[in-house]
Amino acid sequence: MDKVLIVEDEQDIADLIILNLQELSLHVDHCLTGELAIKSLEQQEYQLIILDVMLPGISGLDVCRKIRETKPEQVIMMLTSRDTEVDRVLGLELGADDYMAKPFSVRELQARIRTQLRRIHLNEAQSALLKKTQTPEQYLTLGQLQIDNITHRTLLAGKELDLTSTEFDLLLYLASHPEQVFSREQLLSSVWGYHHSGYEHTVNSHINRLRNKVEKNATKPEIVQTVWGVGYKLSKQGVAA
């Protein structure tokens, strides 16, 4: 059974989320504070963390930062207020895989969680299959970029990149279609599996984070390039340099 940790100090909101996640046959734990969440994460493994930004004591942003220091692969969805765009962007820049703005549709929350869990299970299944068959599909090599589908180990010019689960998926998708330009909406659909409008910040922030890890100069990207008015692409020339 998949396990989800909810970190939310408003009990009524937490109860609502718990009730609807239990409908999905998920094991749900709940923490009222960031401190309790960090302790729980030291003792338990969770497929997904639903993390509120505004918490008493240590903030959700700080919890996200601490998680990323030790568990880069952990999938994190942040809850933010609809009118606090800065918090949404900060959460994504600090390593959140996605966010939902309050107040949110319970059905959309369920759909988004199902999508995240499908991504996790698909990655696990693909890794298990590749490990069993040991086919060449385990590796993707493009210029100086090497991606291992089993271990999620990524090297660029011999240097290992410290990527989150979603950053890895985004880079792998772009590298699997070099020079092809994708709009933010296409990336949101293909990488995150979402078809909801209004969440383009998710793509923008992940592109920025990815550039900070793969580019020599993130302000002048040569690998993950912007095609103005259209979207983003991975440049063959950039990874060959």
Protein backbone atom coordinates (compact mmCIF):
# COMPACT_ATOMS: atom_id res chain seq x y z
CA MET A 1 0.00 0.00 0.00
CA ASP A 2 1.35 3.43 -0.94
CA LYS A 3 2.08 5.73 1.97
CA VAL A 4 1.45 9.46 1.97
CA LEU A 5 2.50 11.98 4.61
CA ILE A 6 0.36 15.09 5.05
CA VAL A 7 1.99 18.05 6.79
CA GLU A 8 -0.81 20.51 7.53
CA ASP A 9 -1.51 22.52 10.70
CA GLU A 10 -5.17 23.21 9.92
CA GLN A 11 -6.91 20.11 11.22
CA ASP A 12 -10.09 20.55 9.16
CA ILE A 13 -8.11 20.74 5.91
CA ALA A 14 -5.97 17.76 6.96
CA ASP A 15 -9.10 15.74 7.81
CA LEU A 16 -10.57 16.52 4.39
CA ILE A 17 -7.39 15.44 2.60
CA ILE A 18 -7.07 12.29 4.72
CA LEU A 19 -10.67 11.28 4.02
CA ASN A 20 -10.25 11.67 0.28
CA LEU A 21 -6.89 9.91 0.16
CA GLN A 22 -8.30 6.99 2.08
CA GLU A 23 -10.85 6.70 -0.74
CA LEU A 24 -7.83 5.94 -2.95
CA SER A 25 -6.81 3.10 -0.60
CA LEU A 26 -3.70 4.92 0.57
CA HIS A 27 -2.04 4.69 3.96
CA VAL A 28 -2.03 8.26 5.30
CA ASP A 29 -0.02 9.76 8.15
CA HIS A 30 -0.50 13.31 9.38
CA CYS A 31 1.83 15.78 11.10
CA LEU A 32 0.77 19.19 12.42
CA THR A 33 4.25 20.73 12.31
CA GLY A 34 7.39 20.63 10.21
CA GLU A 35 9.43 19.38 13.15
CA LEU A 36 7.18 16.35 13.55
CA ALA A 37 7.31 15.73 9.81
CA ILE A 38 11.12 15.64 9.79
CA LYS A 39 11.09 13.14 12.67
CA SER A 40 8.51 11.00 10.88
CA LEU A 41 10.61 10.99 7.70
CA GLU A 42 13.59 9.70 9.68
CA GLN A 43 11.54 6.65 10.68
CA GLN A 44 9.28 6.02 7.67
CA GLU A 45 9.43 5.93 3.89
CA TYR A 46 6.68 7.69 1.94
CA GLN A 47 5.88 7.66 -1.75
CA LEU A 48 4.50 11.20 -1.53
CA ILE A 49 4.57 14.14 0.88
CA ILE A 50 1.83 16.78 0.81
CA LEU A 51 3.42 19.78 2.50
CA ASP A 52 1.74 23.04 3.51
CA VAL A 53 3.90 26.15 3.14
CA MET A 54 2.51 27.99 6.16
CA LEU A 55 3.31 25.96 9.27
CA PRO A 56 3.96 26.92 12.90
CA GLY A 57 7.65 26.82 13.77
CA ILE A 58 9.73 25.61 10.85
CA SER A 59 8.03 26.54 7.59
CA GLY A 60 7.07 24.17 4.81
CA LEU A 61 9.73 25.79 2.62
CA ASP A 62 12.41 24.93 5.18
CA VAL A 63 11.06 21.38 5.51
CA CYS A 64 11.28 21.02 1.73
CA ARG A 65 14.87 22.26 1.79
CA LYS A 66 15.83 19.80 4.54
CA ILE A 67 14.21 16.88 2.72
CA ARG A 68 16.10 17.67 -0.47
CA GLU A 69 19.41 17.60 1.42
CA THR A 70 19.02 13.89 2.22
CA LYS A 71 16.27 12.56 -0.09
CA PRO A 72 16.58 14.13 -3.54
CA GLU A 73 14.28 11.48 -5.01
CA GLN A 74 11.40 12.14 -2.58
CA VAL A 75 8.24 13.35 -4.34
CA ILE A 76 6.84 16.50 -2.70
CA MET A 77 3.63 18.38 -3.43
CA MET A 78 3.25 21.75 -1.72
CA LEU A 79 0.02 23.43 -0.66
CA THR A 80 -0.01 27.22 -0.97
CA SER A 81 -2.54 30.01 -0.69
CA ARG A 82 -3.91 31.10 -4.05
CA ASP A 83 -2.72 34.70 -3.57
CA THR A 84 0.88 33.87 -2.58
CA GLU A 85 2.63 33.36 -5.92
CA VAL A 86 6.00 34.04 -4.30
CA ASP A 87 5.58 31.02 -2.01
CA ARG A 88 4.65 28.81 -4.95
CA VAL A 89 7.72 29.83 -6.91
CA LEU A 90 9.99 29.53 -3.86
CA GLY A 91 8.64 26.06 -3.12
CA LEU A 92 9.33 24.91 -6.65
CA GLU A 93 12.78 26.50 -6.67
CA LEU A 94 13.62 24.73 -3.41
CA GLY A 95 12.74 21.35 -4.85
CA ALA A 96 8.99 20.72 -4.69
CA ASP A 97 7.80 18.54 -7.57
CA ASP A 98 4.44 20.24 -7.79
CA TYR A 99 2.00 22.47 -5.91
CA MET A 100 -1.69 23.04 -5.43
CA ALA A 101 -3.21 26.37 -4.48
CA LYS A 102 -5.82 26.65 -1.73
CA PRO A 103 -8.74 26.45 -1.94
CA PHE A 104 -8.48 23.43 -4.20
CA SER A 105 -10.84 20.93 -5.76
CA VAL A 106 -10.77 17.64 -3.86
CA ARG A 107 -11.28 15.73 -7.11
CA GLU A 108 -8.38 17.53 -8.73
CA LEU A 109 -6.22 16.76 -5.68
CA GLN A 110 -7.10 13.07 -5.98
CA ALA A 111 -6.33 13.13 -9.71
CA ARG A 112 -3.00 14.84 -9.19
CA ILE A 113 -1.99 12.38 -6.47
CA ARG A 114 -2.97 9.42 -8.64
CA THR A 115 -0.84 10.87 -11.43
CA GLN A 116 2.18 11.31 -9.15
CA LEU A 117 1.85 7.75 -7.85
CA ARG A 118 1.52 6.40 -11.41
CA ARG A 119 4.75 8.16 -12.30
CA ILE A 120 6.49 6.59 -9.32
CA HIS A 121 5.18 3.10 -10.11
CA LEU A 122 6.00 3.45 -13.81
CA ASN A 123 9.58 4.47 -13.03
CA GLU A 124 9.93 1.56 -10.60
CA ALA A 125 8.50 -0.90 -13.14
CA GLN A 126 10.72 0.37 -15.95
CA SER A 127 13.80 0.18 -13.75
CA ALA A 128 12.93 -3.36 -12.66
CA LEU A 129 12.36 -4.45 -16.28
CA LEU A 130 15.56 -2.90 -17.54
CA LYS A 131 17.52 -4.40 -14.67
CA LYS A 132 16.09 -7.82 -15.47
CA THR A 133 16.65 -7.67 -19.22
CA GLN A 134 19.87 -5.60 -19.19
CA THR A 135 18.94 -4.11 -22.56
CA PRO A 136 20.73 -1.15 -24.15
CA GLU A 137 17.62 0.91 -23.34
CA GLN A 138 18.97 1.17 -19.81
CA TYR A 139 21.29 3.92 -20.98
CA LEU A 140 20.79 7.09 -22.96
CA THR A 141 23.96 8.76 -24.21
CA LEU A 142 23.87 12.10 -25.98
CA GLY A 143 27.19 13.85 -26.39
CA GLN A 144 28.67 14.21 -22.92
CA LEU A 145 25.32 13.46 -21.27
CA GLN A 146 24.81 9.93 -19.92
CA ILE A 147 21.55 8.86 -18.27
CA ASP A 148 21.02 5.51 -16.52
CA ASN A 149 17.33 4.55 -16.43
CA ILE A 150 17.80 1.99 -13.65
CA THR A 151 19.83 3.89 -11.10
CA HIS A 152 18.66 7.37 -12.20
CA ARG A 153 22.35 8.27 -12.21
CA THR A 154 23.13 11.10 -14.59
CA LEU A 155 26.56 12.23 -15.74
CA LEU A 156 27.48 15.33 -17.70
CA ALA A 157 31.07 15.55 -18.87
CA GLY A 158 31.91 12.88 -16.30
CA LYS A 159 30.38 14.83 -13.41
CA GLU A 160 27.39 13.32 -11.61
CA LEU A 161 24.31 15.52 -11.41
CA ASP A 162 22.30 15.64 -8.20
CA LEU A 163 18.75 15.61 -9.63
CA THR A 164 15.37 15.23 -7.99
CA SER A 165 12.99 12.60 -9.36
CA THR A 166 11.09 15.14 -11.44
CA GLU A 167 14.23 16.90 -12.67
CA PHE A 168 15.48 13.51 -13.84
CA ASP A 169 12.21 12.79 -15.67
CA LEU A 170 12.27 16.22 -17.30
CA LEU A 171 15.87 15.89 -18.47
CA LEU A 172 15.30 12.35 -19.70
CA TYR A 173 12.24 13.44 -21.70
CA LEU A 174 14.05 16.35 -23.33
CA ALA A 175 17.15 14.23 -24.01
CA SER A 176 14.98 11.50 -25.57
CA HIS A 177 13.77 14.09 -28.10
CA PRO A 178 16.84 16.23 -28.82
CA GLU A 179 16.26 19.46 -30.73
CA GLN A 180 12.48 18.99 -30.50
CA VAL A 181 10.74 22.03 -29.04
CA PHE A 182 8.05 21.51 -26.39
CA SER A 183 5.65 24.06 -25.01
CA ARG A 184 5.14 24.35 -21.27
CA GLU A 185 1.72 22.75 -21.69
CA GLN A 186 3.23 19.79 -23.56
CA LEU A 187 5.88 19.27 -20.90
CA LEU A 188 3.31 19.55 -18.12
CA SER A 189 1.25 16.86 -19.84
CA SER A 190 4.11 14.55 -20.82
CA VAL A 191 6.35 14.77 -17.75
CA TRP A 192 3.87 15.51 -14.96
CA GLY A 193 0.86 13.88 -16.61
CA TYR A 194 -1.37 16.89 -15.88
CA HIS A 195 -3.85 18.53 -18.19
CA HIS A 196 -4.87 21.35 -15.83
CA SER A 197 -4.22 24.93 -16.85
CA GLY A 198 -2.67 27.48 -14.52
CA TYR A 199 0.30 25.37 -13.37
CA GLU A 200 2.90 26.52 -15.90
CA HIS A 201 5.03 27.85 -13.00
CA THR A 202 5.81 24.20 -12.29
CA VAL A 203 7.53 23.82 -15.67
CA ASN A 204 9.31 27.18 -15.50
CA SER A 205 10.77 26.52 -12.06
CA HIS A 206 11.94 23.02 -12.96
CA ILE A 207 13.61 24.32 -16.11
CA ASN A 208 15.40 26.94 -13.99
CA ARG A 209 16.49 24.33 -11.45
CA LEU A 210 17.68 22.00 -14.19
CA ARG A 211 19.69 24.76 -15.81
CA ASN A 212 21.38 25.56 -12.51
CA LYS A 213 22.64 21.96 -12.48
CA VAL A 214 23.55 21.34 -16.12
CA GLU A 215 24.65 24.69 -17.51
CA LYS A 216 28.05 26.35 -17.18
CA ASN A 217 26.16 29.65 -17.00
CA ALA A 218 22.45 29.28 -16.20
CA THR A 219 21.76 32.83 -17.42
CA LYS A 220 23.10 31.87 -20.86
CA PRO A 221 21.88 28.27 -21.32
CA GLU A 222 23.50 26.19 -24.02
CA ILE A 223 21.92 22.80 -23.21
CA VAL A 224 18.32 23.44 -22.13
CA GLN A 225 17.44 26.25 -24.48
CA THR A 226 14.45 28.54 -24.74
CA VAL A 227 12.78 28.92 -28.12
CA TRP A 228 11.02 32.22 -27.62
CA GLY A 229 7.29 32.15 -28.12
CA VAL A 230 7.26 28.34 -28.32
CA GLY A 231 8.93 26.55 -25.41
CA TYR A 232 12.08 24.58 -24.56
CA LYS A 233 14.41 22.08 -26.19
CA LEU A 234 17.59 20.15 -25.40
CA SER A 235 20.41 21.10 -27.74
CA LYS A 236 22.64 18.37 -29.21
CA GLN A 237 25.36 20.94 -29.69
CA GLY A 238 25.06 22.00 -26.05
CA VAL A 239 25.68 18.50 -24.64
CA ALA A 240 28.41 17.85 -27.19
CA ALA A 241 30.45 20.87 -26.12
